[in-house]
Amino acid sequence: MTLLLTRGDLEAVLEPTACLEALRHGFSTAERVPIAGQRVRTDLPFPGTATALIPGLLPGVPAYTVKVNAKFPGARPALRGVICLHSGTDGELLALLDSATVTAWRTGLAAALGTDLLAGRGEAVGVVGAGAQAELMVRGLAALRPRGDLVVHDTSADRAAEFAARHGGRVLSSAAEVARVADIVLAATWSREPLLHLDDTGPGRHFTSLGVDEPGKAELAPDLLDAALLVVDDRELAAGVGVLREADTTLGEVVRGEHPGRTTDTDLTVYAPVGMPWQDLALAWTAFGRAEREGVGRRVDLLA
């Protein structure tokens, strides 16, 4: 039997603190898996792309994930797909999970963890792109550190206003204006032109950019990237996308104490994750375990 977990089911069983702990543990241990995760992306003869992440593996977890996503920027939601959670013993399909929900949670919370580890002591937070992943970044960061003022910019004024209202913030008219007033800038957009340049910021700022997961996307200008300590989640995957310069270190190395990360209050830091298959497993396994314990979801026999 396979457990089906919809968006509503996942939102009922996922909780930021437990997910953050699962992700932190993953960053500290994923290097021990001898099989590298792969990210496969292809263009389509339609207004979107297809992406697959395989296999999601972590030490001590007797299962693996395969994720298949459709990305259509003009659609709402823009990302749709499934995550297949398979038993590592016999390949049984343990669960089918809504990919959009798991992806938003794992991407946003992993980004919040990276932000907390790399950002300075400033508490003012800026959001550029007020979508689902920004929502989870803000929620995750609130679970990790105090937050001061919140400022928001989005190409949709209504979406920006709704986001600001939910989180007690205010709307600004441009990404550059956000970067001038925020100590921490969280960017999650589809932009294919740089939104932020070095002149838009100052010493000691931190930027987390989620818009580096596909060729051609570019939220941060080369001069800002060149001036910053650049941290990624995986060097090979990041290099393969081709959006960034060579990274200085990985978040796993920072979590394990192999790299100091930020060393002074004036350092400029950037965390630019691509997204790794093991992160899907970390949250899918967490959700599956709690759903099993609490009787959440619906079981189907796909072999019937």
Protein backbone atom coordinates (compact mmCIF):
# COMPACT_ATOMS: atom_id res chain seq x y z
CA MET A 1 0.00 0.00 0.00
CA THR A 2 1.17 3.54 -0.82
CA LEU A 3 0.43 6.53 1.41
CA LEU A 4 -0.85 9.57 -0.52
CA LEU A 5 0.03 12.89 1.16
CA THR A 6 -1.63 15.98 -0.30
CA ARG A 7 -0.71 19.60 0.41
CA GLY A 8 -3.21 19.68 3.26
CA ASP A 9 -1.85 16.45 4.72
CA LEU A 10 1.72 17.75 4.56
CA GLU A 11 0.85 21.07 6.15
CA ALA A 12 -0.78 19.12 8.98
CA VAL A 13 2.34 17.07 9.75
CA LEU A 14 5.26 19.35 8.85
CA GLU A 15 6.60 21.65 11.56
CA PRO A 16 9.50 24.10 11.10
CA THR A 17 11.61 23.12 14.12
CA ALA A 18 11.62 19.39 13.35
CA CYS A 19 12.27 20.06 9.65
CA LEU A 20 15.14 22.43 10.43
CA GLU A 21 16.73 19.79 12.63
CA ALA A 22 16.38 17.16 9.89
CA LEU A 23 17.99 19.52 7.38
CA ARG A 24 20.82 20.49 9.75
CA HIS A 25 21.54 16.80 10.32
CA GLY A 26 21.49 16.25 6.56
CA PHE A 27 24.01 19.00 5.90
CA SER A 28 26.32 17.44 8.49
CA THR A 29 26.06 13.85 7.18
CA ALA A 30 25.13 13.86 3.48
CA GLU A 31 28.80 13.84 2.43
CA ARG A 32 29.04 10.28 3.77
CA VAL A 33 26.70 8.93 1.06
CA PRO A 34 28.92 7.43 -1.70
CA ILE A 35 26.34 8.03 -4.47
CA ALA A 36 26.07 11.60 -5.72
CA GLY A 37 22.64 13.13 -6.18
CA GLN A 38 21.71 14.17 -9.70
CA ARG A 39 19.62 17.05 -10.94
CA VAL A 40 18.29 16.56 -14.48
CA ARG A 41 16.55 19.41 -16.27
CA THR A 42 15.17 19.63 -19.79
CA ASP A 43 13.40 22.23 -21.89
CA LEU A 44 9.99 21.32 -23.26
CA PRO A 45 8.02 22.23 -26.41
CA PHE A 46 5.65 23.99 -23.99
CA PRO A 47 6.09 27.16 -21.87
CA GLY A 48 7.92 25.35 -19.08
CA THR A 49 10.65 22.92 -18.08
CA ALA A 50 10.83 19.48 -16.51
CA THR A 51 13.20 18.66 -13.65
CA ALA A 52 14.02 15.41 -11.85
CA LEU A 53 16.10 15.00 -8.68
CA ILE A 54 17.41 11.50 -7.99
CA PRO A 55 18.30 9.76 -5.71
CA GLY A 56 17.59 11.41 -2.37
CA LEU A 57 19.81 9.51 0.08
CA LEU A 58 20.96 10.07 3.67
CA PRO A 59 22.95 7.89 6.07
CA GLY A 60 20.68 6.01 8.44
CA VAL A 61 17.49 6.48 6.41
CA PRO A 62 16.31 3.15 4.90
CA ALA A 63 14.59 4.82 1.95
CA TYR A 64 15.24 7.06 -1.02
CA THR A 65 13.33 9.67 -3.02
CA VAL A 66 12.77 10.45 -6.68
CA LYS A 67 11.26 13.85 -7.46
CA VAL A 68 9.68 14.91 -10.75
CA ASN A 69 8.62 18.53 -11.22
CA ALA A 70 6.99 20.60 -13.93
CA LYS A 71 8.02 24.27 -13.79
CA PHE A 72 5.74 26.64 -15.69
CA PRO A 73 6.49 30.23 -14.58
CA GLY A 74 3.20 31.59 -15.92
CA ALA A 75 1.07 29.08 -14.02
CA ARG A 76 -0.23 29.27 -10.46
CA PRO A 77 1.25 27.35 -8.82
CA ALA A 78 4.34 27.54 -11.01
CA LEU A 79 5.70 24.23 -9.73
CA ARG A 80 3.76 20.95 -9.70
CA GLY A 81 4.86 17.37 -9.32
CA VAL A 82 5.33 14.39 -7.05
CA ILE A 83 7.94 12.97 -4.74
CA CYS A 84 8.15 9.19 -4.66
CA LEU A 85 9.41 7.75 -1.37
CA HIS A 86 10.72 4.22 -1.91
CA SER A 87 11.85 1.59 0.55
CA GLY A 88 15.57 0.93 0.37
CA THR A 89 14.92 -2.73 1.16
CA ASP A 90 12.74 -3.80 -1.74
CA GLY A 91 11.80 -0.62 -3.66
CA GLU A 92 8.24 -0.54 -2.33
CA LEU A 93 6.58 2.80 -3.04
CA LEU A 94 5.96 3.90 0.54
CA ALA A 95 4.45 7.29 -0.24
CA LEU A 96 3.54 9.77 -2.95
CA LEU A 97 3.87 13.36 -1.71
CA ASP A 98 2.87 16.68 -3.26
CA SER A 99 6.15 18.03 -4.56
CA ALA A 100 5.23 21.72 -4.51
CA THR A 101 4.67 21.62 -0.75
CA VAL A 102 7.75 19.57 0.12
CA THR A 103 9.91 21.66 -2.24
CA ALA A 104 8.73 24.94 -0.71
CA TRP A 105 9.36 23.66 2.81
CA ARG A 106 12.74 22.09 2.20
CA THR A 107 13.99 24.95 0.02
CA GLY A 108 12.72 27.71 2.27
CA LEU A 109 13.84 26.11 5.53
CA ALA A 110 17.25 25.05 4.20
CA ALA A 111 17.70 28.62 3.02
CA ALA A 112 16.66 29.91 6.46
CA LEU A 113 19.26 27.63 8.06
CA GLY A 114 21.97 28.88 5.69
CA THR A 115 20.91 32.46 6.32
CA ASP A 116 21.13 32.03 10.09
CA LEU A 117 24.58 30.45 9.87
CA LEU A 118 26.02 33.12 7.57
CA ALA A 119 24.27 36.40 8.39
CA GLY A 120 25.61 38.96 10.83
CA ARG A 121 23.86 40.26 13.92
CA GLY A 122 21.54 42.68 12.11
CA GLU A 123 17.85 41.86 12.44
CA ALA A 124 16.12 43.80 9.64
CA VAL A 125 14.91 41.35 6.98
CA GLY A 126 14.06 42.11 3.36
CA VAL A 127 12.09 39.86 1.02
CA VAL A 128 12.26 40.06 -2.78
CA GLY A 129 9.65 37.77 -4.30
CA ALA A 130 6.80 37.09 -1.88
CA GLY A 131 5.93 33.51 -2.84
CA ALA A 132 5.75 30.17 -1.03
CA GLN A 133 9.49 29.76 -0.63
CA ALA A 134 9.89 33.25 0.83
CA GLU A 135 7.08 32.40 3.25
CA LEU A 136 9.01 29.39 4.55
CA MET A 137 12.29 31.32 4.67
CA VAL A 138 10.71 33.95 6.92
CA ARG A 139 8.99 31.35 9.10
CA GLY A 140 12.16 29.28 9.40
CA LEU A 141 14.35 32.27 10.18
CA ALA A 142 11.92 33.32 12.93
CA ALA A 143 12.47 29.92 14.55
CA LEU A 144 16.24 30.44 14.50
CA ARG A 145 16.89 34.09 15.48
CA PRO A 146 15.18 37.32 16.52
CA ARG A 147 13.75 39.39 13.68
CA GLY A 148 13.47 43.13 13.42
CA ASP A 149 11.74 45.16 10.71
CA LEU A 150 10.48 43.33 7.62
CA VAL A 151 10.32 44.95 4.18
CA VAL A 152 8.89 43.31 1.06
CA HIS A 153 8.98 43.82 -2.71
CA ASP A 154 7.22 41.75 -5.34
CA THR A 155 6.22 42.34 -8.95
CA SER A 156 2.65 41.84 -7.73
CA ALA A 157 1.69 44.69 -5.42
CA ASP A 158 -1.20 42.66 -4.01
CA ARG A 159 1.01 39.68 -3.22
CA ALA A 160 3.57 41.96 -1.54
CA ALA A 161 0.88 43.65 0.53
CA GLU A 162 -0.60 40.31 1.64
CA PHE A 163 2.83 38.99 2.61
CA ALA A 164 3.67 42.15 4.56
CA ALA A 165 0.33 41.99 6.37
CA ARG A 166 0.86 38.36 7.40
CA HIS A 167 4.29 39.08 8.84
CA GLY A 168 3.94 42.59 10.20
CA GLY A 169 6.07 44.24 7.54
CA ARG A 170 5.83 47.02 4.97
CA VAL A 171 6.03 47.14 1.19
CA LEU A 172 8.82 48.88 -0.74
CA SER A 173 8.85 49.83 -4.39
CA SER A 174 11.96 47.99 -5.63
CA ALA A 175 14.45 45.25 -4.84
CA ALA A 176 17.21 47.86 -4.58
CA GLU A 177 15.24 49.76 -1.95
CA VAL A 178 14.86 46.53 0.04
CA ALA A 179 18.62 45.90 -0.11
CA ARG A 180 19.43 49.41 1.10
CA VAL A 181 17.49 49.06 4.35
CA ALA A 182 17.68 45.33 5.20
CA ASP A 183 20.55 43.56 6.96
CA ILE A 184 19.38 40.24 5.51
CA VAL A 185 17.87 39.97 2.02
CA LEU A 186 15.91 36.86 1.00
CA ALA A 187 15.34 36.64 -2.76
CA ALA A 188 13.12 34.02 -4.39
CA THR A 189 12.15 35.06 -7.91
CA TRP A 190 12.18 33.87 -11.52
CA SER A 191 14.28 36.86 -12.62
CA ARG A 192 16.60 36.44 -15.59
CA GLU A 193 18.16 39.86 -15.08
CA PRO A 194 20.13 40.91 -11.98
CA LEU A 195 17.86 42.59 -9.44
CA LEU A 196 20.60 43.61 -7.00
CA HIS A 197 24.07 45.06 -7.53
CA LEU A 198 26.96 45.82 -5.20
CA ASP A 199 26.02 49.52 -5.16
CA ASP A 200 22.63 48.58 -3.68
CA THR A 201 24.12 47.25 -0.48
CA GLY A 202 26.66 47.96 2.25
CA PRO A 203 29.17 46.21 4.54
CA GLY A 204 28.02 43.33 6.66
CA ARG A 205 24.92 42.45 4.65
CA HIS A 206 23.78 38.95 3.83
CA PHE A 207 21.90 37.77 0.73
CA THR A 208 20.17 34.44 0.20
CA SER A 209 19.27 33.86 -3.44
CA LEU A 210 17.00 31.00 -4.50
CA GLY A 211 16.96 32.11 -8.12
CA VAL A 212 20.05 30.16 -9.19
CA ASP A 213 18.49 26.76 -9.83
CA GLU A 214 18.19 26.98 -13.61
CA PRO A 215 20.44 28.29 -16.42
CA GLY A 216 19.68 31.89 -17.28
CA LYS A 217 18.21 32.91 -13.93
CA ALA A 218 20.12 35.69 -12.19
CA GLU A 219 18.99 37.63 -9.12
CA LEU A 220 22.41 38.91 -8.00
CA ALA A 221 24.80 40.82 -10.27
CA PRO A 222 28.37 39.56 -10.84
CA ASP A 223 29.91 42.50 -8.94
CA LEU A 224 27.94 41.59 -5.81
CA LEU A 225 28.86 37.91 -6.11
CA ASP A 226 32.54 38.76 -6.66
CA ALA A 227 32.65 40.92 -3.53
CA ALA A 228 30.98 38.34 -1.27
CA LEU A 229 31.85 35.13 0.48
CA LEU A 230 29.84 32.82 -1.80
CA VAL A 231 28.38 29.69 -0.21
CA VAL A 232 26.43 27.00 -2.10
CA ASP A 233 24.87 23.68 -1.15
CA ASP A 234 26.80 21.63 -3.72
CA ARG A 235 29.74 22.81 -5.82
CA GLU A 236 29.18 20.43 -8.73
CA LEU A 237 25.44 21.07 -9.04
CA ALA A 238 25.94 24.84 -8.73
CA ALA A 239 28.69 24.83 -11.36
CA GLY A 240 26.50 22.77 -13.68
CA VAL A 241 23.74 25.38 -13.62
CA GLY A 242 26.28 28.00 -14.69
CA VAL A 243 24.72 31.00 -12.95
CA LEU A 244 27.39 31.55 -10.28
CA ARG A 245 31.11 32.05 -10.09
CA GLU A 246 33.15 29.34 -8.35
CA ALA A 247 31.94 29.01 -4.77
CA ASP A 248 34.15 29.69 -1.75
CA THR A 249 32.63 26.91 0.35
CA THR A 250 29.50 24.83 0.93
CA LEU A 251 26.96 25.06 3.70
CA GLY A 252 27.80 21.49 4.70
CA GLU A 253 31.40 22.56 5.33
CA VAL A 254 30.16 25.43 7.48
CA VAL A 255 27.78 23.18 9.45
CA ARG A 256 30.58 20.65 10.06
CA GLY A 257 33.01 23.38 11.16
CA GLU A 258 35.31 22.84 8.18
CA HIS A 259 34.92 26.48 7.07
CA PRO A 260 34.35 29.44 9.39
CA GLY A 261 31.78 31.17 7.18
CA ARG A 262 31.47 34.84 8.14
CA THR A 263 34.49 36.00 10.16
CA THR A 264 33.82 39.74 10.68
CA ASP A 265 30.82 42.03 11.10
CA THR A 266 31.67 43.74 7.81
CA ASP A 267 31.82 40.61 5.63
CA LEU A 268 29.39 40.48 2.72
CA THR A 269 27.94 36.98 2.45
CA VAL A 270 25.78 35.18 -0.11
CA TYR A 271 24.07 31.82 0.20
CA ALA A 272 22.92 30.56 -3.21
CA PRO A 273 21.55 27.00 -3.05
CA VAL A 274 20.55 24.96 -6.08
CA GLY A 275 18.61 22.32 -4.12
CA MET A 276 19.82 18.79 -3.46
CA PRO A 277 18.01 15.44 -3.66
CA TRP A 278 18.78 14.49 -0.05
CA GLN A 279 16.79 17.52 1.13
CA ASP A 280 13.67 15.99 -0.44
CA LEU A 281 14.33 12.79 1.51
CA ALA A 282 14.93 14.64 4.78
CA LEU A 283 11.48 16.23 4.70
CA ALA A 284 9.64 13.37 2.98
CA TRP A 285 10.90 10.91 5.61
CA THR A 286 9.96 13.34 8.40
CA ALA A 287 6.47 13.82 6.96
CA PHE A 288 5.97 10.10 6.28
CA GLY A 289 6.94 9.12 9.83
CA ARG A 290 4.59 11.58 11.47
CA ALA A 291 1.75 10.81 9.03
CA GLU A 292 2.11 7.11 9.84
CA ARG A 293 1.99 7.78 13.58
CA GLU A 294 -1.00 10.14 13.38
CA GLY A 295 -3.03 8.39 10.70
CA VAL A 296 -2.80 11.26 8.21
CA GLY A 297 -3.20 10.65 4.47
CA ARG A 298 -4.91 8.04 2.34
CA ARG A 299 -3.64 4.61 1.37
CA VAL A 300 -3.99 3.20 -2.13
CA ASP A 301 -2.83 0.00 -3.79
CA LEU A 302 -1.30 1.04 -7.09
CA LEU A 303 -0.73 -2.60 -7.98
CA ALA A 304 -4.41 -3.58 -7.62
